[in-house]
N, C-alpha and C. Protein backbone atom coordinates (compact mmCIF):
# COMPACT_ATOMS: atom_id res chain seq x y z
N MET A 1 -50.00 71.50 -0.26
CA MET A 1 -50.41 70.87 -1.51
C MET A 1 -51.82 70.31 -1.33
N ASN A 2 -52.68 70.66 -2.22
CA ASN A 2 -54.07 70.26 -2.15
C ASN A 2 -54.25 68.84 -2.68
N PRO A 3 -54.73 67.90 -1.85
CA PRO A 3 -54.91 66.54 -2.35
C PRO A 3 -56.09 66.45 -3.32
N VAL A 4 -55.83 66.00 -4.51
CA VAL A 4 -56.86 65.82 -5.53
C VAL A 4 -56.75 64.38 -6.01
N ARG A 5 -57.85 63.70 -6.08
CA ARG A 5 -57.84 62.31 -6.54
C ARG A 5 -57.48 62.26 -8.02
N LEU A 6 -56.44 61.49 -8.34
CA LEU A 6 -56.00 61.36 -9.72
C LEU A 6 -56.78 60.25 -10.41
N PRO A 7 -57.29 60.50 -11.61
CA PRO A 7 -58.02 59.45 -12.33
C PRO A 7 -57.09 58.31 -12.72
N LEU A 8 -57.60 57.09 -12.63
CA LEU A 8 -56.78 55.91 -12.89
C LEU A 8 -56.47 55.74 -14.38
N LEU A 9 -57.43 55.97 -15.26
CA LEU A 9 -57.22 55.72 -16.69
C LEU A 9 -56.03 56.49 -17.27
N PRO A 10 -55.91 57.80 -17.04
CA PRO A 10 -54.73 58.50 -17.57
C PRO A 10 -53.41 57.96 -16.99
N ARG A 11 -53.45 57.52 -15.75
CA ARG A 11 -52.24 56.95 -15.15
C ARG A 11 -51.87 55.64 -15.83
N LEU A 12 -52.86 54.82 -16.15
CA LEU A 12 -52.58 53.55 -16.84
C LEU A 12 -52.06 53.81 -18.25
N ILE A 13 -52.64 54.79 -18.93
CA ILE A 13 -52.16 55.14 -20.28
C ILE A 13 -50.72 55.65 -20.19
N CYS A 14 -50.43 56.44 -19.17
CA CYS A 14 -49.07 56.93 -18.96
C CYS A 14 -48.11 55.76 -18.74
N MET A 15 -48.57 54.73 -18.03
CA MET A 15 -47.72 53.55 -17.79
C MET A 15 -47.44 52.80 -19.09
N VAL A 16 -48.41 52.74 -19.98
CA VAL A 16 -48.20 52.10 -21.29
C VAL A 16 -47.16 52.89 -22.09
N TYR A 17 -47.30 54.20 -22.10
CA TYR A 17 -46.34 55.07 -22.77
C TYR A 17 -44.95 54.88 -22.15
N GLU A 18 -44.91 54.78 -20.83
CA GLU A 18 -43.63 54.56 -20.13
C GLU A 18 -43.00 53.24 -20.56
N ALA A 19 -43.82 52.21 -20.76
CA ALA A 19 -43.31 50.91 -21.18
C ALA A 19 -42.62 51.01 -22.54
N LEU A 20 -43.15 51.83 -23.44
CA LEU A 20 -42.52 52.02 -24.75
C LEU A 20 -41.16 52.69 -24.61
N ILE A 21 -41.08 53.71 -23.77
CA ILE A 21 -39.82 54.40 -23.53
C ILE A 21 -38.82 53.45 -22.88
N VAL A 22 -39.28 52.70 -21.89
CA VAL A 22 -38.42 51.76 -21.18
C VAL A 22 -37.89 50.69 -22.13
N GLY A 23 -38.70 50.27 -23.08
CA GLY A 23 -38.23 49.31 -24.08
C GLY A 23 -37.03 49.84 -24.84
N GLY A 24 -37.08 51.09 -25.24
CA GLY A 24 -35.95 51.71 -25.92
C GLY A 24 -34.74 51.85 -25.03
N VAL A 25 -34.96 52.23 -23.78
CA VAL A 25 -33.85 52.36 -22.82
C VAL A 25 -33.18 51.00 -22.62
N LEU A 26 -33.97 49.95 -22.46
CA LEU A 26 -33.40 48.62 -22.26
C LEU A 26 -32.65 48.13 -23.48
N MET A 27 -33.16 48.42 -24.67
CA MET A 27 -32.45 48.01 -25.88
C MET A 27 -31.12 48.75 -26.00
N ALA A 28 -31.14 50.05 -25.75
CA ALA A 28 -29.92 50.85 -25.83
C ALA A 28 -28.90 50.42 -24.78
N ALA A 29 -29.37 50.11 -23.58
CA ALA A 29 -28.46 49.69 -22.51
C ALA A 29 -28.01 48.25 -22.70
N GLY A 30 -28.86 47.42 -23.25
CA GLY A 30 -28.52 46.01 -23.42
C GLY A 30 -27.52 45.75 -24.52
N LEU A 31 -27.54 46.56 -25.56
CA LEU A 31 -26.65 46.34 -26.70
C LEU A 31 -25.17 46.30 -26.31
N PRO A 32 -24.66 47.27 -25.55
CA PRO A 32 -23.24 47.18 -25.18
C PRO A 32 -22.93 45.93 -24.35
N PHE A 33 -23.84 45.55 -23.46
CA PHE A 33 -23.62 44.35 -22.64
C PHE A 33 -23.50 43.12 -23.53
N VAL A 34 -24.44 43.00 -24.46
CA VAL A 34 -24.46 41.85 -25.36
C VAL A 34 -23.21 41.82 -26.24
N MET A 35 -22.82 42.98 -26.75
CA MET A 35 -21.65 43.05 -27.64
C MET A 35 -20.35 42.77 -26.89
N LEU A 36 -20.21 43.35 -25.71
CA LEU A 36 -18.96 43.21 -24.96
C LEU A 36 -18.79 41.84 -24.33
N THR A 37 -19.88 41.19 -23.97
CA THR A 37 -19.77 39.90 -23.28
C THR A 37 -20.03 38.72 -24.21
N ARG A 38 -20.42 39.00 -25.45
CA ARG A 38 -20.82 37.94 -26.38
C ARG A 38 -21.87 37.05 -25.71
N TYR A 39 -22.86 37.72 -25.20
CA TYR A 39 -23.92 37.12 -24.40
C TYR A 39 -24.52 35.87 -25.05
N GLY A 40 -24.69 35.88 -26.35
CA GLY A 40 -25.29 34.75 -27.05
C GLY A 40 -24.50 33.46 -26.90
N GLN A 41 -23.20 33.59 -26.67
CA GLN A 41 -22.34 32.41 -26.52
C GLN A 41 -22.13 32.03 -25.06
N HIS A 42 -22.68 32.84 -24.15
CA HIS A 42 -22.46 32.61 -22.72
C HIS A 42 -23.78 32.69 -21.95
N PRO A 43 -24.59 31.63 -22.01
CA PRO A 43 -25.89 31.66 -21.33
C PRO A 43 -25.77 31.81 -19.81
N GLU A 44 -24.60 31.53 -19.26
CA GLU A 44 -24.42 31.67 -17.81
C GLU A 44 -24.45 33.14 -17.37
N LEU A 45 -24.42 34.06 -18.33
CA LEU A 45 -24.48 35.49 -18.01
C LEU A 45 -25.91 36.01 -17.90
N ARG A 46 -26.87 35.12 -18.03
CA ARG A 46 -28.27 35.55 -18.04
C ARG A 46 -28.65 36.33 -16.77
N THR A 47 -28.28 35.81 -15.62
CA THR A 47 -28.61 36.49 -14.36
C THR A 47 -27.91 37.84 -14.28
N ALA A 48 -26.65 37.89 -14.67
CA ALA A 48 -25.90 39.16 -14.65
C ALA A 48 -26.57 40.18 -15.58
N TYR A 49 -27.03 39.72 -16.72
CA TYR A 49 -27.70 40.60 -17.69
C TYR A 49 -29.01 41.15 -17.10
N GLN A 50 -29.78 40.29 -16.46
CA GLN A 50 -31.04 40.72 -15.85
C GLN A 50 -30.79 41.73 -14.72
N ILE A 51 -29.78 41.48 -13.90
CA ILE A 51 -29.44 42.41 -12.82
C ILE A 51 -28.99 43.74 -13.41
N TYR A 52 -28.18 43.69 -14.45
CA TYR A 52 -27.71 44.90 -15.12
C TYR A 52 -28.90 45.73 -15.62
N LEU A 53 -29.84 45.10 -16.30
CA LEU A 53 -31.01 45.82 -16.82
C LEU A 53 -31.89 46.36 -15.69
N PHE A 54 -32.02 45.61 -14.61
CA PHE A 54 -32.78 46.07 -13.45
C PHE A 54 -32.14 47.33 -12.86
N LEU A 55 -30.81 47.35 -12.78
CA LEU A 55 -30.09 48.52 -12.27
C LEU A 55 -30.21 49.71 -13.22
N VAL A 56 -30.15 49.45 -14.52
CA VAL A 56 -30.31 50.52 -15.51
C VAL A 56 -31.68 51.17 -15.35
N LEU A 57 -32.72 50.35 -15.23
CA LEU A 57 -34.07 50.90 -15.04
C LEU A 57 -34.18 51.68 -13.74
N GLY A 58 -33.56 51.16 -12.69
CA GLY A 58 -33.57 51.86 -11.41
C GLY A 58 -32.93 53.23 -11.52
N PHE A 59 -31.81 53.30 -12.25
CA PHE A 59 -31.15 54.59 -12.45
C PHE A 59 -32.02 55.52 -13.29
N TYR A 60 -32.60 54.99 -14.37
CA TYR A 60 -33.45 55.80 -15.25
C TYR A 60 -34.58 56.46 -14.46
N PHE A 61 -35.35 55.66 -13.75
CA PHE A 61 -36.49 56.21 -13.01
C PHE A 61 -36.04 57.14 -11.89
N SER A 62 -35.09 56.68 -11.09
CA SER A 62 -34.64 57.48 -9.94
C SER A 62 -34.05 58.81 -10.37
N TYR A 63 -33.30 58.81 -11.45
CA TYR A 63 -32.68 60.04 -11.94
C TYR A 63 -33.75 61.08 -12.29
N PHE A 64 -34.72 60.67 -13.08
CA PHE A 64 -35.76 61.63 -13.50
C PHE A 64 -36.68 62.02 -12.35
N TRP A 65 -37.04 61.07 -11.50
CA TRP A 65 -37.90 61.42 -10.36
C TRP A 65 -37.20 62.40 -9.44
N HIS A 66 -35.91 62.19 -9.21
CA HIS A 66 -35.17 63.07 -8.30
C HIS A 66 -34.87 64.43 -8.95
N ARG A 67 -34.54 64.43 -10.22
CA ARG A 67 -34.12 65.66 -10.91
C ARG A 67 -35.29 66.59 -11.21
N THR A 68 -36.38 66.04 -11.76
CA THR A 68 -37.50 66.89 -12.16
C THR A 68 -38.85 66.42 -11.62
N GLY A 69 -38.88 65.23 -11.01
CA GLY A 69 -40.15 64.68 -10.54
C GLY A 69 -40.96 64.03 -11.65
N GLN A 70 -40.38 63.97 -12.87
CA GLN A 70 -41.14 63.46 -14.02
C GLN A 70 -40.24 62.71 -14.99
N THR A 71 -40.76 61.61 -15.51
CA THR A 71 -40.17 61.00 -16.70
C THR A 71 -40.86 61.66 -17.90
N VAL A 72 -40.43 61.34 -19.10
CA VAL A 72 -41.05 61.95 -20.29
C VAL A 72 -42.55 61.66 -20.37
N PRO A 73 -43.00 60.42 -20.19
CA PRO A 73 -44.45 60.18 -20.22
C PRO A 73 -45.20 60.92 -19.11
N MET A 74 -44.60 61.01 -17.94
CA MET A 74 -45.25 61.75 -16.85
C MET A 74 -45.38 63.22 -17.21
N LYS A 75 -44.38 63.75 -17.89
CA LYS A 75 -44.44 65.15 -18.31
C LYS A 75 -45.55 65.35 -19.34
N THR A 76 -45.67 64.41 -20.25
CA THR A 76 -46.72 64.47 -21.27
C THR A 76 -48.11 64.50 -20.63
N TRP A 77 -48.31 63.68 -19.63
CA TRP A 77 -49.61 63.60 -18.95
C TRP A 77 -49.71 64.56 -17.77
N ARG A 78 -48.68 65.39 -17.58
CA ARG A 78 -48.64 66.40 -16.52
C ARG A 78 -48.73 65.81 -15.12
N PHE A 79 -48.11 64.64 -14.93
CA PHE A 79 -47.98 64.06 -13.60
C PHE A 79 -46.60 64.41 -13.07
N ARG A 80 -46.54 64.64 -11.76
CA ARG A 80 -45.25 64.93 -11.15
C ARG A 80 -45.20 64.22 -9.80
N LEU A 81 -44.03 63.68 -9.49
CA LEU A 81 -43.81 63.02 -8.21
C LEU A 81 -43.27 64.04 -7.22
N ALA A 82 -43.83 64.07 -6.03
CA ALA A 82 -43.39 65.03 -5.01
C ALA A 82 -43.56 64.39 -3.63
N ASP A 83 -42.88 64.98 -2.65
CA ASP A 83 -43.12 64.54 -1.28
C ASP A 83 -44.35 65.28 -0.75
N THR A 84 -44.67 65.09 0.50
CA THR A 84 -45.91 65.68 1.03
C THR A 84 -45.85 67.20 1.13
N GLN A 85 -44.64 67.78 1.08
CA GLN A 85 -44.50 69.24 1.08
C GLN A 85 -44.44 69.82 -0.33
N GLY A 86 -44.53 68.96 -1.34
CA GLY A 86 -44.50 69.42 -2.72
C GLY A 86 -43.10 69.52 -3.30
N LYS A 87 -42.09 69.06 -2.56
CA LYS A 87 -40.70 69.13 -3.04
C LYS A 87 -40.33 67.85 -3.78
N LEU A 88 -39.25 67.95 -4.55
CA LEU A 88 -38.76 66.77 -5.26
C LEU A 88 -38.28 65.73 -4.26
N PRO A 89 -38.50 64.45 -4.54
CA PRO A 89 -38.07 63.41 -3.61
C PRO A 89 -36.55 63.24 -3.61
N SER A 90 -36.03 62.76 -2.51
CA SER A 90 -34.59 62.51 -2.37
C SER A 90 -34.20 61.26 -3.15
N TRP A 91 -32.89 61.11 -3.40
CA TRP A 91 -32.40 59.91 -4.08
C TRP A 91 -32.82 58.63 -3.35
N PRO A 92 -32.60 58.56 -2.02
CA PRO A 92 -33.01 57.31 -1.35
C PRO A 92 -34.50 57.00 -1.51
N ARG A 93 -35.34 58.01 -1.43
CA ARG A 93 -36.78 57.77 -1.61
C ARG A 93 -37.09 57.31 -3.03
N CYS A 94 -36.41 57.89 -4.00
CA CYS A 94 -36.63 57.48 -5.40
C CYS A 94 -36.22 56.03 -5.62
N LEU A 95 -35.08 55.66 -5.06
CA LEU A 95 -34.61 54.27 -5.20
C LEU A 95 -35.56 53.31 -4.49
N LEU A 96 -36.00 53.68 -3.29
CA LEU A 96 -36.96 52.84 -2.57
C LEU A 96 -38.28 52.74 -3.32
N ARG A 97 -38.71 53.82 -3.92
CA ARG A 97 -39.96 53.80 -4.70
C ARG A 97 -39.83 52.80 -5.85
N TYR A 98 -38.68 52.84 -6.52
CA TYR A 98 -38.45 51.91 -7.62
C TYR A 98 -38.53 50.47 -7.13
N LEU A 99 -37.86 50.18 -6.02
CA LEU A 99 -37.84 48.82 -5.49
C LEU A 99 -39.21 48.37 -4.98
N LEU A 100 -39.90 49.26 -4.28
CA LEU A 100 -41.21 48.90 -3.72
C LEU A 100 -42.31 48.82 -4.77
N ALA A 101 -42.14 49.51 -5.87
CA ALA A 101 -43.17 49.51 -6.91
C ALA A 101 -43.29 48.15 -7.60
N TRP A 102 -42.19 47.44 -7.76
CA TRP A 102 -42.21 46.19 -8.50
C TRP A 102 -43.23 45.17 -7.99
N PRO A 103 -43.16 44.77 -6.71
CA PRO A 103 -44.12 43.74 -6.28
C PRO A 103 -45.58 44.20 -6.38
N GLY A 104 -45.83 45.44 -6.03
CA GLY A 104 -47.20 45.95 -6.07
C GLY A 104 -47.77 46.06 -7.47
N LEU A 105 -46.94 46.51 -8.41
CA LEU A 105 -47.43 46.65 -9.79
C LEU A 105 -47.54 45.30 -10.49
N LEU A 106 -46.58 44.41 -10.26
CA LEU A 106 -46.64 43.10 -10.90
C LEU A 106 -47.82 42.26 -10.39
N SER A 107 -48.15 42.41 -9.11
CA SER A 107 -49.26 41.64 -8.55
C SER A 107 -50.62 42.32 -8.76
N GLY A 108 -50.59 43.59 -9.10
CA GLY A 108 -51.83 44.34 -9.27
C GLY A 108 -52.33 44.99 -7.98
N VAL A 109 -51.66 44.73 -6.87
CA VAL A 109 -52.08 45.28 -5.58
C VAL A 109 -52.05 46.81 -5.61
N SER A 110 -51.03 47.38 -6.22
CA SER A 110 -50.93 48.85 -6.26
C SER A 110 -52.07 49.48 -7.05
N ILE A 111 -52.47 48.83 -8.13
CA ILE A 111 -53.59 49.35 -8.93
C ILE A 111 -54.88 49.28 -8.12
N LEU A 112 -55.10 48.15 -7.45
CA LEU A 112 -56.30 48.02 -6.61
C LEU A 112 -56.27 49.03 -5.47
N TRP A 113 -55.08 49.26 -4.91
CA TRP A 113 -54.95 50.21 -3.81
C TRP A 113 -55.40 51.61 -4.23
N THR A 114 -55.09 52.01 -5.46
CA THR A 114 -55.46 53.35 -5.91
C THR A 114 -56.98 53.53 -5.90
N LEU A 115 -57.71 52.44 -6.09
CA LEU A 115 -59.17 52.53 -6.07
C LEU A 115 -59.71 52.73 -4.65
N LEU A 116 -58.94 52.28 -3.66
CA LEU A 116 -59.37 52.39 -2.26
C LEU A 116 -58.82 53.62 -1.57
N ASP A 117 -57.68 54.12 -2.02
CA ASP A 117 -57.03 55.26 -1.38
C ASP A 117 -57.84 56.53 -1.64
N HIS A 118 -58.02 57.35 -0.62
CA HIS A 118 -58.87 58.54 -0.77
C HIS A 118 -58.29 59.58 -1.73
N GLU A 119 -56.97 59.52 -1.98
CA GLU A 119 -56.35 60.42 -2.96
C GLU A 119 -55.95 59.69 -4.24
N GLY A 120 -56.24 58.39 -4.30
CA GLY A 120 -55.90 57.60 -5.48
C GLY A 120 -54.41 57.37 -5.64
N GLN A 121 -53.67 57.36 -4.54
CA GLN A 121 -52.23 57.18 -4.59
C GLN A 121 -51.87 55.70 -4.58
N PHE A 122 -50.70 55.38 -5.15
CA PHE A 122 -50.19 54.01 -5.10
C PHE A 122 -49.77 53.68 -3.67
N LEU A 123 -49.80 52.40 -3.32
CA LEU A 123 -49.41 51.95 -1.99
C LEU A 123 -47.96 52.32 -1.69
N HIS A 124 -47.06 52.09 -2.66
CA HIS A 124 -45.64 52.39 -2.41
C HIS A 124 -45.42 53.88 -2.19
N ASP A 125 -46.18 54.73 -2.84
CA ASP A 125 -46.07 56.17 -2.60
C ASP A 125 -46.59 56.53 -1.22
N ARG A 126 -47.70 55.93 -0.84
CA ARG A 126 -48.27 56.19 0.48
C ARG A 126 -47.26 55.79 1.57
N LEU A 127 -46.62 54.64 1.41
CA LEU A 127 -45.66 54.15 2.41
C LEU A 127 -44.43 55.06 2.51
N LEU A 128 -44.03 55.67 1.41
CA LEU A 128 -42.81 56.49 1.38
C LEU A 128 -43.07 57.97 1.59
N GLY A 129 -44.30 58.35 1.79
CA GLY A 129 -44.61 59.77 1.96
C GLY A 129 -44.45 60.56 0.67
N LEU A 130 -44.73 59.89 -0.45
CA LEU A 130 -44.67 60.54 -1.76
C LEU A 130 -46.07 60.57 -2.35
N ARG A 131 -46.22 61.34 -3.42
CA ARG A 131 -47.51 61.41 -4.08
C ARG A 131 -47.34 61.84 -5.53
N LEU A 132 -48.23 61.35 -6.36
CA LEU A 132 -48.31 61.84 -7.74
C LEU A 132 -49.31 62.98 -7.74
N VAL A 133 -48.91 64.08 -8.35
CA VAL A 133 -49.81 65.23 -8.46
C VAL A 133 -49.97 65.59 -9.92
N ARG A 134 -51.07 66.21 -10.24
CA ARG A 134 -51.34 66.65 -11.61
C ARG A 134 -51.00 68.12 -11.69
N GLU A 135 -50.12 68.48 -12.61
CA GLU A 135 -49.75 69.87 -12.78
C GLU A 135 -50.85 70.60 -13.55
N THR A 136 -51.06 71.85 -13.20
CA THR A 136 -52.05 72.65 -13.91
C THR A 136 -51.41 73.22 -15.17
N ARG A 137 -52.23 73.47 -16.15
CA ARG A 137 -51.72 74.06 -17.39
C ARG A 137 -51.29 75.49 -17.13
N ALA A 138 -50.18 75.87 -17.76
CA ALA A 138 -49.67 77.23 -17.56
C ALA A 138 -50.39 78.23 -18.44
């Protein structure tokens, strides 16, 4: 696989698009929890609700990364997640990517890292032996 530096702006736009999709996923996943637990009447369920949504997001991302290497926004922008041999990542790597991405993205360290990395990869991808690649048009 030929390393090509990925531009940051399209990746950031893809992340904004991903946030819109994730909002819908969280609303769809949250509704049954709220309805079944009567969440509004039980504020003590707040932590359980947050953990539930965190797990739902973990499944959403890991499923698509492992199955096709792409979520819908990644497909739109022609980004694909792969290991260093160009193969789809394993379930454990996808789950670890999800977990490791949170601190780096929330703190901004991962975004800054892409500016320093010679291939423009995120820190969590570099640590896990993964990479985002741009697919060529067919």
